Amino acid sequence: MPPSIAPPWLWIAFTIFIVSMLALDLVLHRKPRERRGQALMWVIGWVSLALVFYVGIHINFGRQPGLEFITGYVIEYSLSVDNLFIFVLIFRYFSIPAHSQHRILFWGILGALVMRFIFVFLGSALLHRFEWIIYIFGGVVILGGLKMLKEEEIQVDPERNLILRIVRRFIHVSSQDGEHFLIRSHGRVYATKLLLVLVMVEATDLVFAVDSIPAVFAITRDPFIVYSSNIFAILGLRSLYFLIAHAIERFHYLKYGLGLVLIFVGLKMMLAEYFPISTGRSLLVVGALLGGSLVLSLLRTRHRHAAEPQPSRSIASAAEESEKPARRKPR
């Protein structure tokens, strides 16, 4: 196992904590209907937990591991917002109602936790044994950043999704809508639309992890810090989605800020031996790029958002309205 600040008992305690929080999230959202105010409280709660965890690392292991965790967390949390753009498009494409989005995001996050665990340990083991792989990781991160800068508009095309095509090849797909991922009819098991969307969400996170996990390795080689920063960013993803889904179109320049962040951390990774950059300075650069892109986005859309009618509503807000009691028309 690659060297880490965390003893075995801390890994066990952290795993128990994550499982407990997921169970709590599932219990509290048994009736999957989340208002914006409720989503905001959950986002504040998840961010607060991450900050408490940062303080714990700082006190018990020192300033440097604490800075590495918070920098990795900021990078992962910011990159996850870009992932939410794709989630919105997927849910709109398949016309998924809000109450079903909760189930898909919960199971999608659960699958993401497993994938991150595998990716982090595989990446840590490779870096521990083959130092030169750091240049491959850096190149992957830089390419991801350049792709963000060049990409004019995010598009979702399920017909070109390889994993989705494989699922359709081996599992019969039902044309009926339902609340389950699989249904049985006439002695045959069928996949529902929800399972196809879950597969697309997991495939999206798989692609996202290829860029995001190597980006944190530019900050630290410690597998516990890489994994914990990833996990805390993912845990708040569902609530963050329901908080910003209605206004996600306003973050126009965010992808450019994220692209520049990836290019920066990729170069930091590849040139660390010749031009070392401290973790504190890295955090300042990342914060400046992300903060600047968010401010520019809000300034760009402030007047247009207030003056022009929105051409389309987010599926989350539309579904929320559809759950309100219908008003009777006057006779």
C-alpha atoms as a PDB file:
ATOM      1  CA  MET A   1       0.000   0.000   0.000  1.00  0.00           C
ATOM      2  CA  PRO A   2       1.351   3.498  -0.865  1.00  0.00           C
ATOM      3  CA  PRO A   3       2.435   5.603   2.151  1.00  0.00           C
ATOM      4  CA  SER A   4      -0.314   7.626   3.805  1.00  0.00           C
ATOM      5  CA  ILE A   5      -0.845   9.792   6.884  1.00  0.00           C
ATOM      6  CA  ALA A   6      -3.889   7.692   7.784  1.00  0.00           C
ATOM      7  CA  PRO A   7      -3.475   4.555   9.892  1.00  0.00           C
ATOM      8  CA  PRO A   8      -5.768   1.571   9.149  1.00  0.00           C
ATOM      9  CA  TRP A   9      -8.233   2.514  11.903  1.00  0.00           C
ATOM     10  CA  LEU A  10      -8.800   5.926  10.277  1.00  0.00           C
ATOM     11  CA  TRP A  11      -9.643   4.292   6.947  1.00  0.00           C
ATOM     12  CA  ILE A  12     -12.153   2.070   8.746  1.00  0.00           C
ATOM     13  CA  ALA A  13     -13.649   4.984  10.697  1.00  0.00           C
ATOM     14  CA  PHE A  14     -13.929   7.102   7.553  1.00  0.00           C
ATOM     15  CA  THR A  15     -15.663   4.261   5.690  1.00  0.00           C
ATOM     16  CA  ILE A  16     -18.155   3.790   8.527  1.00  0.00           C
ATOM     17  CA  PHE A  17     -18.797   7.540   8.534  1.00  0.00           C
ATOM     18  CA  ILE A  18     -19.462   7.609   4.775  1.00  0.00           C
ATOM     19  CA  VAL A  19     -21.819   4.608   4.937  1.00  0.00           C
ATOM     20  CA  SER A  20     -23.663   6.211   7.860  1.00  0.00           C
ATOM     21  CA  MET A  21     -24.099   9.511   6.021  1.00  0.00           C
ATOM     22  CA  LEU A  22     -25.405   7.734   2.925  1.00  0.00           C
ATOM     23  CA  ALA A  23     -27.879   5.780   5.067  1.00  0.00           C
ATOM     24  CA  LEU A  24     -29.000   9.007   6.733  1.00  0.00           C
ATOM     25  CA  ASP A  25     -29.428  10.666   3.348  1.00  0.00           C
ATOM     26  CA  LEU A  26     -31.530   7.739   2.121  1.00  0.00           C
ATOM     27  CA  VAL A  27     -33.751   7.755   5.221  1.00  0.00           C
ATOM     28  CA  LEU A  28     -34.321  11.522   5.215  1.00  0.00           C
ATOM     29  CA  HIS A  29     -35.190  11.516   1.519  1.00  0.00           C
ATOM     30  CA  ARG A  30     -37.528   8.550   1.537  1.00  0.00           C
ATOM     31  CA  LYS A  31     -40.129  10.956   0.190  1.00  0.00           C
ATOM     32  CA  PRO A  32     -38.003  12.411  -2.604  1.00  0.00           C
ATOM     33  CA  ARG A  33     -39.184  15.986  -2.832  1.00  0.00           C
ATOM     34  CA  GLU A  34     -36.617  18.668  -2.257  1.00  0.00           C
ATOM     35  CA  ARG A  35     -37.162  22.408  -2.293  1.00  0.00           C
ATOM     36  CA  ARG A  36     -34.420  24.873  -3.021  1.00  0.00           C
ATOM     37  CA  GLY A  37     -34.223  25.996   0.608  1.00  0.00           C
ATOM     38  CA  GLN A  38     -33.868  22.411   1.799  1.00  0.00           C
ATOM     39  CA  ALA A  39     -31.195  21.743  -0.822  1.00  0.00           C
ATOM     40  CA  LEU A  40     -29.315  24.859   0.334  1.00  0.00           C
ATOM     41  CA  MET A  41     -29.314  23.615   3.932  1.00  0.00           C
ATOM     42  CA  TRP A  42     -27.926  20.243   2.822  1.00  0.00           C
ATOM     43  CA  VAL A  43     -25.219  21.901   0.723  1.00  0.00           C
ATOM     44  CA  ILE A  44     -24.209  24.046   3.711  1.00  0.00           C
ATOM     45  CA  GLY A  45     -24.196  20.916   5.873  1.00  0.00           C
ATOM     46  CA  TRP A  46     -21.949  18.924   3.514  1.00  0.00           C
ATOM     47  CA  VAL A  47     -19.522  21.834   3.076  1.00  0.00           C
ATOM     48  CA  SER A  48     -19.443  22.337   6.854  1.00  0.00           C
ATOM     49  CA  LEU A  49     -18.603  18.656   7.366  1.00  0.00           C
ATOM     50  CA  ALA A  50     -15.736  18.972   4.880  1.00  0.00           C
ATOM     51  CA  LEU A  51     -14.420  22.026   6.746  1.00  0.00           C
ATOM     52  CA  VAL A  52     -14.630  20.172  10.080  1.00  0.00           C
ATOM     53  CA  PHE A  53     -12.717  17.294   8.502  1.00  0.00           C
ATOM     54  CA  TYR A  54     -10.094  19.778   7.253  1.00  0.00           C
ATOM     55  CA  VAL A  55      -9.693  21.157  10.778  1.00  0.00           C
ATOM     56  CA  GLY A  56      -9.287  17.615  12.110  1.00  0.00           C
ATOM     57  CA  ILE A  57      -6.531  16.846   9.591  1.00  0.00           C
ATOM     58  CA  HIS A  58      -4.826  20.164  10.310  1.00  0.00           C
ATOM     59  CA  ILE A  59      -4.817  19.553  14.074  1.00  0.00           C
ATOM     60  CA  ASN A  60      -3.807  15.889  14.000  1.00  0.00           C
ATOM     61  CA  PHE A  61      -1.476  15.715  10.995  1.00  0.00           C
ATOM     62  CA  GLY A  62      -0.243  19.259  10.403  1.00  0.00           C
ATOM     63  CA  ARG A  63      -0.765  22.309   8.222  1.00  0.00           C
ATOM     64  CA  GLN A  64       0.496  20.796   4.959  1.00  0.00           C
ATOM     65  CA  PRO A  65      -1.879  17.768   4.849  1.00  0.00           C
ATOM     66  CA  GLY A  66      -4.726  20.124   5.791  1.00  0.00           C
ATOM     67  CA  LEU A  67      -3.914  22.464   2.890  1.00  0.00           C
ATOM     68  CA  GLU A  68      -3.648  19.492   0.536  1.00  0.00           C
ATOM     69  CA  PHE A  69      -7.089  18.250   1.570  1.00  0.00           C
ATOM     70  CA  ILE A  70      -8.849  21.604   1.235  1.00  0.00           C
ATOM     71  CA  THR A  71      -7.181  22.324  -2.126  1.00  0.00           C
ATOM     72  CA  GLY A  72      -8.136  18.906  -3.467  1.00  0.00           C
ATOM     73  CA  TYR A  73     -11.679  19.378  -2.141  1.00  0.00           C
ATOM     74  CA  VAL A  74     -12.069  22.775  -3.837  1.00  0.00           C
ATOM     75  CA  ILE A  75     -10.833  21.347  -7.151  1.00  0.00           C
ATOM     76  CA  GLU A  76     -13.107  18.287  -6.974  1.00  0.00           C
ATOM     77  CA  TYR A  77     -16.158  20.235  -5.812  1.00  0.00           C
ATOM     78  CA  SER A  78     -15.723  22.811  -8.565  1.00  0.00           C
ATOM     79  CA  LEU A  79     -15.219  20.184 -11.255  1.00  0.00           C
ATOM     80  CA  SER A  80     -18.360  18.400 -10.059  1.00  0.00           C
ATOM     81  CA  VAL A  81     -20.390  21.477 -11.037  1.00  0.00           C
ATOM     82  CA  ASP A  82     -19.361  20.873 -14.644  1.00  0.00           C
ATOM     83  CA  ASN A  83     -20.644  17.330 -14.235  1.00  0.00           C
ATOM     84  CA  LEU A  84     -24.021  18.733 -13.178  1.00  0.00           C
ATOM     85  CA  PHE A  85     -24.400  20.417 -16.570  1.00  0.00           C
ATOM     86  CA  ILE A  86     -24.424  16.982 -18.176  1.00  0.00           C
ATOM     87  CA  PHE A  87     -26.826  15.578 -15.564  1.00  0.00           C
ATOM     88  CA  VAL A  88     -29.316  18.358 -16.356  1.00  0.00           C
ATOM     89  CA  LEU A  89     -29.102  17.591 -20.084  1.00  0.00           C
ATOM     90  CA  ILE A  90     -29.505  13.844 -19.501  1.00  0.00           C
ATOM     91  CA  PHE A  91     -32.585  14.322 -17.312  1.00  0.00           C
ATOM     92  CA  ARG A  92     -34.104  16.711 -19.834  1.00  0.00           C
ATOM     93  CA  TYR A  93     -33.391  14.403 -22.757  1.00  0.00           C
ATOM     94  CA  PHE A  94     -35.171  11.465 -21.086  1.00  0.00           C
ATOM     95  CA  SER A  95     -37.846  13.670 -19.405  1.00  0.00           C
ATOM     96  CA  ILE A  96     -37.071  12.341 -15.927  1.00  0.00           C
ATOM     97  CA  PRO A  97     -39.344  13.815 -13.203  1.00  0.00           C
ATOM     98  CA  ALA A  98     -37.842  15.290 -10.034  1.00  0.00           C
ATOM     99  CA  HIS A  99     -38.830  12.438  -7.719  1.00  0.00           C
ATOM    100  CA  SER A 100     -37.014   9.946  -9.979  1.00  0.00           C
ATOM    101  CA  GLN A 101     -33.947  12.180 -10.231  1.00  0.00           C
ATOM    102  CA  HIS A 102     -33.390  11.676  -6.500  1.00  0.00           C
ATOM    103  CA  ARG A 103     -33.154   7.888  -6.855  1.00  0.00           C
ATOM    104  CA  ILE A 104     -30.882   8.076  -9.879  1.00  0.00           C
ATOM    105  CA  LEU A 105     -28.517  10.566  -8.235  1.00  0.00           C
ATOM    106  CA  PHE A 106     -28.385   8.552  -4.988  1.00  0.00           C
ATOM    107  CA  TRP A 107     -27.429   5.301  -6.728  1.00  0.00           C
ATOM    108  CA  GLY A 108     -25.188   7.208  -9.105  1.00  0.00           C
ATOM    109  CA  ILE A 109     -23.283   8.693  -6.170  1.00  0.00           C
ATOM    110  CA  LEU A 110     -23.017   5.252  -4.554  1.00  0.00           C
ATOM    111  CA  GLY A 111     -21.479   3.862  -7.739  1.00  0.00           C
ATOM    112  CA  ALA A 112     -19.171   6.879  -7.972  1.00  0.00           C
ATOM    113  CA  LEU A 113     -17.832   6.183  -4.471  1.00  0.00           C
ATOM    114  CA  VAL A 114     -16.859   2.662  -5.474  1.00  0.00           C
ATOM    115  CA  MET A 115     -15.240   3.834  -8.714  1.00  0.00           C
ATOM    116  CA  ARG A 116     -13.278   6.564  -6.917  1.00  0.00           C
ATOM    117  CA  PHE A 117     -11.976   4.041  -4.375  1.00  0.00           C
ATOM    118  CA  ILE A 118     -10.672   1.829  -7.192  1.00  0.00           C
ATOM    119  CA  PHE A 119      -9.245   4.739  -9.188  1.00  0.00           C
ATOM    120  CA  VAL A 120      -7.480   6.333  -6.222  1.00  0.00           C
ATOM    121  CA  PHE A 121      -5.786   3.136  -5.079  1.00  0.00           C
ATOM    122  CA  LEU A 122      -4.835   2.147  -8.613  1.00  0.00           C
ATOM    123  CA  GLY A 123      -3.413   5.612  -9.304  1.00  0.00           C
ATOM    124  CA  SER A 124      -1.549   5.718  -5.973  1.00  0.00           C
ATOM    125  CA  ALA A 125      -0.051   2.270  -6.537  1.00  0.00           C
ATOM    126  CA  LEU A 126       1.087   3.174 -10.058  1.00  0.00           C
ATOM    127  CA  LEU A 127       2.667   6.447  -8.924  1.00  0.00           C
ATOM    128  CA  HIS A 128       4.357   4.701  -6.020  1.00  0.00           C
ATOM    129  CA  ARG A 129       5.915   2.098  -8.321  1.00  0.00           C
ATOM    130  CA  PHE A 130       6.405   4.049 -11.573  1.00  0.00           C
ATOM    131  CA  GLU A 131       7.306   7.683 -10.931  1.00  0.00           C
ATOM    132  CA  TRP A 132       7.243   8.572 -14.635  1.00  0.00           C
ATOM    133  CA  ILE A 133       3.469   7.980 -14.781  1.00  0.00           C
ATOM    134  CA  ILE A 134       3.073  11.429 -13.235  1.00  0.00           C
ATOM    135  CA  TYR A 135       3.788  12.880 -16.694  1.00  0.00           C
ATOM    136  CA  ILE A 136       1.001  10.778 -18.221  1.00  0.00           C
ATOM    137  CA  PHE A 137      -1.399  11.939 -15.514  1.00  0.00           C
ATOM    138  CA  GLY A 138      -0.358  15.536 -16.120  1.00  0.00           C
ATOM    139  CA  GLY A 139      -0.873  15.178 -19.868  1.00  0.00           C
ATOM    140  CA  VAL A 140      -4.359  13.706 -19.330  1.00  0.00           C
ATOM    141  CA  VAL A 141      -5.315  16.594 -17.062  1.00  0.00           C
ATOM    142  CA  ILE A 142      -4.011  19.209 -19.509  1.00  0.00           C
ATOM    143  CA  LEU A 143      -5.886  17.590 -22.403  1.00  0.00           C
ATOM    144  CA  GLY A 144      -9.046  17.646 -20.300  1.00  0.00           C
ATOM    145  CA  GLY A 145      -8.557  21.344 -19.649  1.00  0.00           C
ATOM    146  CA  LEU A 146      -7.955  22.137 -23.320  1.00  0.00           C
ATOM    147  CA  LYS A 147     -11.085  20.191 -24.233  1.00  0.00           C
ATOM    148  CA  MET A 148     -13.122  22.341 -21.824  1.00  0.00           C
ATOM    149  CA  LEU A 149     -11.723  25.533 -23.341  1.00  0.00           C
ATOM    150  CA  LYS A 150     -12.526  24.411 -26.901  1.00  0.00           C
ATOM    151  CA  GLU A 151     -15.939  22.909 -26.180  1.00  0.00           C
ATOM    152  CA  GLU A 152     -18.551  25.482 -27.154  1.00  0.00           C
ATOM    153  CA  GLU A 153     -21.654  23.578 -26.022  1.00  0.00           C
ATOM    154  CA  ILE A 154     -22.134  20.399 -24.033  1.00  0.00           C
ATOM    155  CA  GLN A 155     -24.244  17.867 -25.898  1.00  0.00           C
ATOM    156  CA  VAL A 156     -25.791  14.583 -24.850  1.00  0.00           C
ATOM    157  CA  ASP A 157     -26.218  11.862 -27.462  1.00  0.00           C
ATOM    158  CA  PRO A 158     -27.321   8.535 -25.921  1.00  0.00           C
ATOM    159  CA  GLU A 159     -27.002   6.780 -29.276  1.00  0.00           C
ATOM    160  CA  ARG A 160     -23.222   7.377 -29.243  1.00  0.00           C
ATOM    161  CA  ASN A 161     -22.746   6.243 -25.646  1.00  0.00           C
ATOM    162  CA  LEU A 162     -20.788   2.976 -25.851  1.00  0.00           C
ATOM    163  CA  ILE A 163     -21.807   1.678 -22.404  1.00  0.00           C
ATOM    164  CA  LEU A 164     -25.464   2.436 -23.095  1.00  0.00           C
ATOM    165  CA  ARG A 165     -25.291   0.597 -26.416  1.00  0.00           C
ATOM    166  CA  ILE A 166     -23.787  -2.432 -24.659  1.00  0.00           C
ATOM    167  CA  VAL A 167     -26.619  -2.413 -22.099  1.00  0.00           C
ATOM    168  CA  ARG A 168     -29.214  -2.257 -24.852  1.00  0.00           C
ATOM    169  CA  ARG A 169     -27.506  -5.116 -26.641  1.00  0.00           C
ATOM    170  CA  PHE A 170     -27.772  -7.534 -23.707  1.00  0.00           C
ATOM    171  CA  ILE A 171     -30.878  -6.276 -21.878  1.00  0.00           C
ATOM    172  CA  HIS A 172     -34.322  -5.709 -23.363  1.00  0.00           C
ATOM    173  CA  VAL A 173     -35.546  -2.155 -22.815  1.00  0.00           C
ATOM    174  CA  SER A 174     -39.168  -1.482 -21.910  1.00  0.00           C
ATOM    175  CA  SER A 175     -41.014   1.431 -23.455  1.00  0.00           C
ATOM    176  CA  GLN A 176     -43.072   1.836 -20.275  1.00  0.00           C
ATOM    177  CA  ASP A 177     -42.210   4.424 -17.647  1.00  0.00           C
ATOM    178  CA  GLY A 178     -41.929   3.305 -14.045  1.00  0.00           C
ATOM    179  CA  GLU A 179     -40.298   3.780 -10.660  1.00  0.00           C
ATOM    180  CA  HIS A 180     -38.005   0.742 -10.890  1.00  0.00           C
ATOM    181  CA  PHE A 181     -34.768   0.137 -12.763  1.00  0.00           C
ATOM    182  CA  LEU A 182     -35.831  -3.358 -13.849  1.00  0.00           C
ATOM    183  CA  ILE A 183     -39.276  -4.842 -14.429  1.00  0.00           C
ATOM    184  CA  ARG A 184     -40.493  -8.340 -15.253  1.00  0.00           C
ATOM    185  CA  SER A 185     -43.116  -8.907 -17.913  1.00  0.00           C
ATOM    186  CA  HIS A 186     -44.218 -12.213 -19.484  1.00  0.00           C
ATOM    187  CA  GLY A 187     -41.311 -14.036 -17.840  1.00  0.00           C
ATOM    188  CA  ARG A 188     -38.691 -11.659 -19.221  1.00  0.00           C
ATOM    189  CA  VAL A 189     -36.659  -8.958 -17.434  1.00  0.00           C
ATOM    190  CA  TYR A 190     -36.708  -5.510 -19.010  1.00  0.00           C
ATOM    191  CA  ALA A 191     -34.655  -2.418 -18.290  1.00  0.00           C
ATOM    192  CA  THR A 192     -36.624   0.773 -17.771  1.00  0.00           C
ATOM    193  CA  LYS A 193     -35.747   4.288 -18.809  1.00  0.00           C
ATOM    194  CA  LEU A 194     -34.444   4.941 -15.292  1.00  0.00           C
ATOM    195  CA  LEU A 195     -31.779   2.235 -15.650  1.00  0.00           C
ATOM    196  CA  LEU A 196     -30.599   3.706 -18.954  1.00  0.00           C
ATOM    197  CA  VAL A 197     -30.290   7.133 -17.338  1.00  0.00           C
ATOM    198  CA  LEU A 198     -28.426   5.646 -14.353  1.00  0.00           C
ATOM    199  CA  VAL A 199     -25.996   3.980 -16.762  1.00  0.00           C
ATOM    200  CA  MET A 200     -25.405   7.324 -18.506  1.00  0.00           C
ATOM    201  CA  VAL A 201     -24.853   9.078 -15.170  1.00  0.00           C
ATOM    202  CA  GLU A 202     -22.301   6.448 -14.111  1.00  0.00           C
ATOM    203  CA  ALA A 203     -20.575   6.598 -17.508  1.00  0.00           C
ATOM    204  CA  THR A 204     -20.386  10.389 -17.228  1.00  0.00           C
ATOM    205  CA  ASP A 205     -18.809  10.146 -13.781  1.00  0.00           C
ATOM    206  CA  LEU A 206     -16.340   7.565 -15.074  1.00  0.00           C
ATOM    207  CA  VAL A 207     -15.139   9.999 -17.744  1.00  0.00           C
ATOM    208  CA  PHE A 208     -15.151  12.826 -15.202  1.00  0.00           C
ATOM    209  CA  ALA A 209     -13.008  10.797 -12.769  1.00  0.00           C
ATOM    210  CA  VAL A 210     -10.315  10.344 -15.420  1.00  0.00           C
ATOM    211  CA  ASP A 211      -9.701  14.113 -15.315  1.00  0.00           C
ATOM    212  CA  SER A 212     -10.510  14.932 -11.706  1.00  0.00           C
ATOM    213  CA  ILE A 213      -8.582  12.266  -9.768  1.00  0.00           C
ATOM    214  CA  PRO A 214      -5.231  12.894 -11.539  1.00  0.00           C
ATOM    215  CA  ALA A 215      -5.800  16.610 -10.879  1.00  0.00           C
ATOM    216  CA  VAL A 216      -5.732  15.973  -7.118  1.00  0.00           C
ATOM    217  CA  PHE A 217      -2.570  13.889  -7.505  1.00  0.00           C
ATOM    218  CA  ALA A 218      -0.969  17.157  -8.629  1.00  0.00           C
ATOM    219  CA  ILE A 219      -1.625  18.441  -5.105  1.00  0.00           C
ATOM    220  CA  THR A 220      -0.785  15.368  -3.040  1.00  0.00           C
ATOM    221  CA  ARG A 221       0.295  11.737  -3.423  1.00  0.00           C
ATOM    222  CA  ASP A 222      -1.386  10.653  -0.187  1.00  0.00           C
ATOM    223  CA  PRO A 223      -4.197   8.217  -1.132  1.00  0.00           C
ATOM    224  CA  PHE A 224      -6.250   9.071   1.963  1.00  0.00           C
ATOM    225  CA  ILE A 225      -6.275  12.799   1.193  1.00  0.00           C
ATOM    226  CA  VAL A 226      -7.043  12.176  -2.492  1.00  0.00           C
ATOM    227  CA  TYR A 227      -9.871   9.786  -1.629  1.00  0.00           C
ATOM    228  CA  SER A 228     -11.397  11.812   1.225  1.00  0.00           C
ATOM    229  CA  SER A 229     -11.384  15.056  -0.799  1.00  0.00           C
ATOM    230  CA  ASN A 230     -13.106  13.213  -3.661  1.00  0.00           C
ATOM    231  CA  ILE A 231     -15.682  11.647  -1.365  1.00  0.00           C
ATOM    232  CA  PHE A 232     -16.646  14.865   0.396  1.00  0.00           C
ATOM    233  CA  ALA A 233     -17.103  16.569  -2.986  1.00  0.00           C
ATOM    234  CA  ILE A 234     -19.320  13.724  -4.228  1.00  0.00           C
ATOM    235  CA  LEU A 235     -21.451  13.471  -1.069  1.00  0.00           C
ATOM    236  CA  GLY A 236     -22.877  16.963  -1.598  1.00  0.00           C
ATOM    237  CA  LEU A 237     -23.398  16.538  -5.323  1.00  0.00           C
ATOM    238  CA  ARG A 238     -27.079  15.536  -5.174  1.00  0.00           C
ATOM    239  CA  SER A 239     -28.121  18.520  -3.041  1.00  0.00           C
ATOM    240  CA  LEU A 240     -25.954  20.859  -5.117  1.00  0.00           C
ATOM    241  CA  TYR A 241     -27.761  19.655  -8.232  1.00  0.00           C
ATOM    242  CA  PHE A 242     -31.209  20.530  -6.851  1.00  0.00           C
ATOM    243  CA  LEU A 243     -29.898  23.871  -5.640  1.00  0.00           C
ATOM    244  CA  ILE A 244     -28.471  25.146  -8.930  1.00  0.00           C
ATOM    245  CA  ALA A 245     -30.265  23.094 -11.618  1.00  0.00           C
ATOM    246  CA  HIS A 246     -32.799  25.879 -12.233  1.00  0.00           C
ATOM    247  CA  ALA A 247     -30.050  28.416 -12.954  1.00  0.00           C
ATOM    248  CA  ILE A 248     -27.201  26.295 -14.269  1.00  0.00           C
ATOM    249  CA  GLU A 249     -27.341  28.054 -17.656  1.00  0.00           C
ATOM    250  CA  ARG A 250     -26.060  31.217 -15.964  1.00  0.00           C
ATOM    251  CA  PHE A 251     -22.610  29.712 -15.279  1.00  0.00           C
ATOM    252  CA  HIS A 252     -21.440  30.518 -18.801  1.00  0.00           C
ATOM    253  CA  TYR A 253     -17.747  31.111 -18.066  1.00  0.00           C
ATOM    254  CA  LEU A 254     -17.340  28.419 -15.411  1.00  0.00           C
ATOM    255  CA  LYS A 255     -16.127  25.814 -17.898  1.00  0.00           C
ATOM    256  CA  TYR A 256     -13.347  28.172 -18.969  1.00  0.00           C
ATOM    257  CA  GLY A 257     -12.302  28.658 -15.357  1.00  0.00           C
ATOM    258  CA  LEU A 258     -12.352  24.901 -14.814  1.00  0.00           C
ATOM    259  CA  GLY A 259     -10.367  24.366 -18.005  1.00  0.00           C
ATOM    260  CA  LEU A 260      -7.682  26.794 -16.822  1.00  0.00           C
ATOM    261  CA  VAL A 261      -7.618  25.075 -13.417  1.00  0.00           C
ATOM    262  CA  LEU A 262      -6.993  21.703 -15.065  1.00  0.00           C
ATOM    263  CA  ILE A 263      -4.243  23.136 -17.258  1.00  0.00           C
ATOM    264  CA  PHE A 264      -2.637  24.765 -14.214  1.00  0.00           C
ATOM    265  CA  VAL A 265      -2.646  21.608 -12.070  1.00  0.00           C
ATOM    266  CA  GLY A 266      -1.490  19.518 -15.058  1.00  0.00           C
ATOM    267  CA  LEU A 267       1.499  21.798 -15.593  1.00  0.00           C
ATOM    268  CA  LYS A 268       2.159  21.828 -11.843  1.00  0.00           C
ATOM    269  CA  MET A 269       2.239  18.051 -11.912  1.00  0.00           C
ATOM    270  CA  MET A 270       4.603  17.798 -14.870  1.00  0.00           C
ATOM    271  CA  LEU A 271       6.957  20.637 -13.858  1.00  0.00           C
ATOM    272  CA  ALA A 272       7.012  20.036 -10.093  1.00  0.00           C
ATOM    273  CA  GLU A 273      10.645  18.902 -10.181  1.00  0.00           C
ATOM    274  CA  TYR A 274      11.796  22.088 -11.926  1.00  0.00           C
ATOM    275  CA  PHE A 275       9.282  24.762 -10.797  1.00  0.00           C
ATOM    276  CA  PRO A 276       7.717  23.633  -7.514  1.00  0.00           C
ATOM    277  CA  ILE A 277       4.569  25.524  -6.465  1.00  0.00           C
ATOM    278  CA  SER A 278       3.457  25.363  -2.845  1.00  0.00           C
ATOM    279  CA  THR A 279       0.006  24.017  -1.959  1.00  0.00           C
ATOM    280  CA  GLY A 280      -1.002  27.364  -0.477  1.00  0.00           C
ATOM    281  CA  ARG A 281      -0.200  29.213  -3.703  1.00  0.00           C
ATOM    282  CA  SER A 282      -1.964  26.517  -5.713  1.00  0.00           C
ATOM    283  CA  LEU A 283      -5.092  27.059  -3.616  1.00  0.00           C
ATOM    284  CA  LEU A 284      -4.927  30.809  -4.280  1.00  0.00           C
ATOM    285  CA  VAL A 285      -4.572  30.276  -8.042  1.00  0.00           C
ATOM    286  CA  VAL A 286      -7.441  27.766  -8.137  1.00  0.00           C
ATOM    287  CA  GLY A 287      -9.649  30.053  -6.046  1.00  0.00           C
ATOM    288  CA  ALA A 288      -8.873  33.081  -8.241  1.00  0.00           C
ATOM    289  CA  LEU A 289      -9.632  31.230 -11.485  1.00  0.00           C
ATOM    290  CA  LEU A 290     -12.887  29.727 -10.226  1.00  0.00           C
ATOM    291  CA  GLY A 291     -14.029  32.857  -8.417  1.00  0.00           C
ATOM    292  CA  GLY A 292     -13.264  35.040 -11.437  1.00  0.00           C
ATOM    293  CA  SER A 293     -15.181  32.755 -13.808  1.00  0.00           C
ATOM    294  CA  LEU A 294     -18.209  32.711 -11.501  1.00  0.00           C
ATOM    295  CA  VAL A 295     -18.254  36.511 -11.100  1.00  0.00           C
ATOM    296  CA  LEU A 296     -17.931  37.041 -14.865  1.00  0.00           C
ATOM    297  CA  SER A 297     -20.721  34.531 -15.488  1.00  0.00           C
ATOM    298  CA  LEU A 298     -23.114  36.247 -13.095  1.00  0.00           C
ATOM    299  CA  LEU A 299     -22.261  39.703 -14.473  1.00  0.00           C
ATOM    300  CA  ARG A 300     -22.792  38.491 -18.056  1.00  0.00           C
ATOM    301  CA  THR A 301     -26.220  37.033 -17.365  1.00  0.00           C
ATOM    302  CA  ARG A 302     -27.477  39.458 -14.701  1.00  0.00           C
ATOM    303  CA  HIS A 303     -29.307  41.908 -16.982  1.00  0.00           C
ATOM    304  CA  ARG A 304     -30.329  39.329 -19.572  1.00  0.00           C
ATOM    305  CA  HIS A 305     -31.670  36.965 -16.903  1.00  0.00           C
ATOM    306  CA  ALA A 306     -33.810  39.732 -15.416  1.00  0.00           C
ATOM    307  CA  ALA A 307     -35.034  41.227 -18.696  1.00  0.00           C
ATOM    308  CA  GLU A 308     -35.576  38.265 -21.013  1.00  0.00           C
ATOM    309  CA  PRO A 309     -38.010  35.371 -20.507  1.00  0.00           C
ATOM    310  CA  GLN A 310     -36.200  32.080 -20.120  1.00  0.00           C
ATOM    311  CA  PRO A 311     -36.657  29.850 -23.195  1.00  0.00           C
ATOM    312  CA  SER A 312     -36.747  26.676 -21.168  1.00  0.00           C
ATOM    313  CA  ARG A 313     -37.058  25.697 -17.554  1.00  0.00           C
ATOM    314  CA  SER A 314     -34.932  23.151 -15.793  1.00  0.00           C
ATOM    315  CA  ILE A 315     -36.542  19.785 -15.460  1.00  0.00           C
ATOM    316  CA  ALA A 316     -36.171  20.034 -11.678  1.00  0.00           C
ATOM    317  CA  SER A 317     -38.211  23.233 -11.361  1.00  0.00           C
ATOM    318  CA  ALA A 318     -40.761  22.052 -13.925  1.00  0.00           C
ATOM    319  CA  ALA A 319     -41.267  18.818 -12.039  1.00  0.00           C
ATOM    320  CA  GLU A 320     -41.558  20.722  -8.770  1.00  0.00           C
ATOM    321  CA  GLU A 321     -44.400  22.781 -10.181  1.00  0.00           C
ATOM    322  CA  SER A 322     -46.113  19.690 -11.528  1.00  0.00           C
ATOM    323  CA  GLU A 323     -46.296  18.273  -7.980  1.00  0.00           C
ATOM    324  CA  LYS A 324     -48.377  21.206  -6.741  1.00  0.00           C
ATOM    325  CA  PRO A 325     -52.137  20.606  -6.444  1.00  0.00           C
ATOM    326  CA  ALA A 326     -53.899  21.457  -9.673  1.00  0.00           C
ATOM    327  CA  ARG A 327     -56.244  24.468  -9.588  1.00  0.00           C
ATOM    328  CA  ARG A 328     -59.752  23.980 -10.820  1.00  0.00           C
ATOM    329  CA  LYS A 329     -60.769  26.113 -13.736  1.00  0.00           C
ATOM    330  CA  PRO A 330     -63.762  28.360 -13.068  1.00  0.00           C
ATOM    331  CA  ARG A 331     -66.929  27.189 -14.743  1.00  0.00           C
END
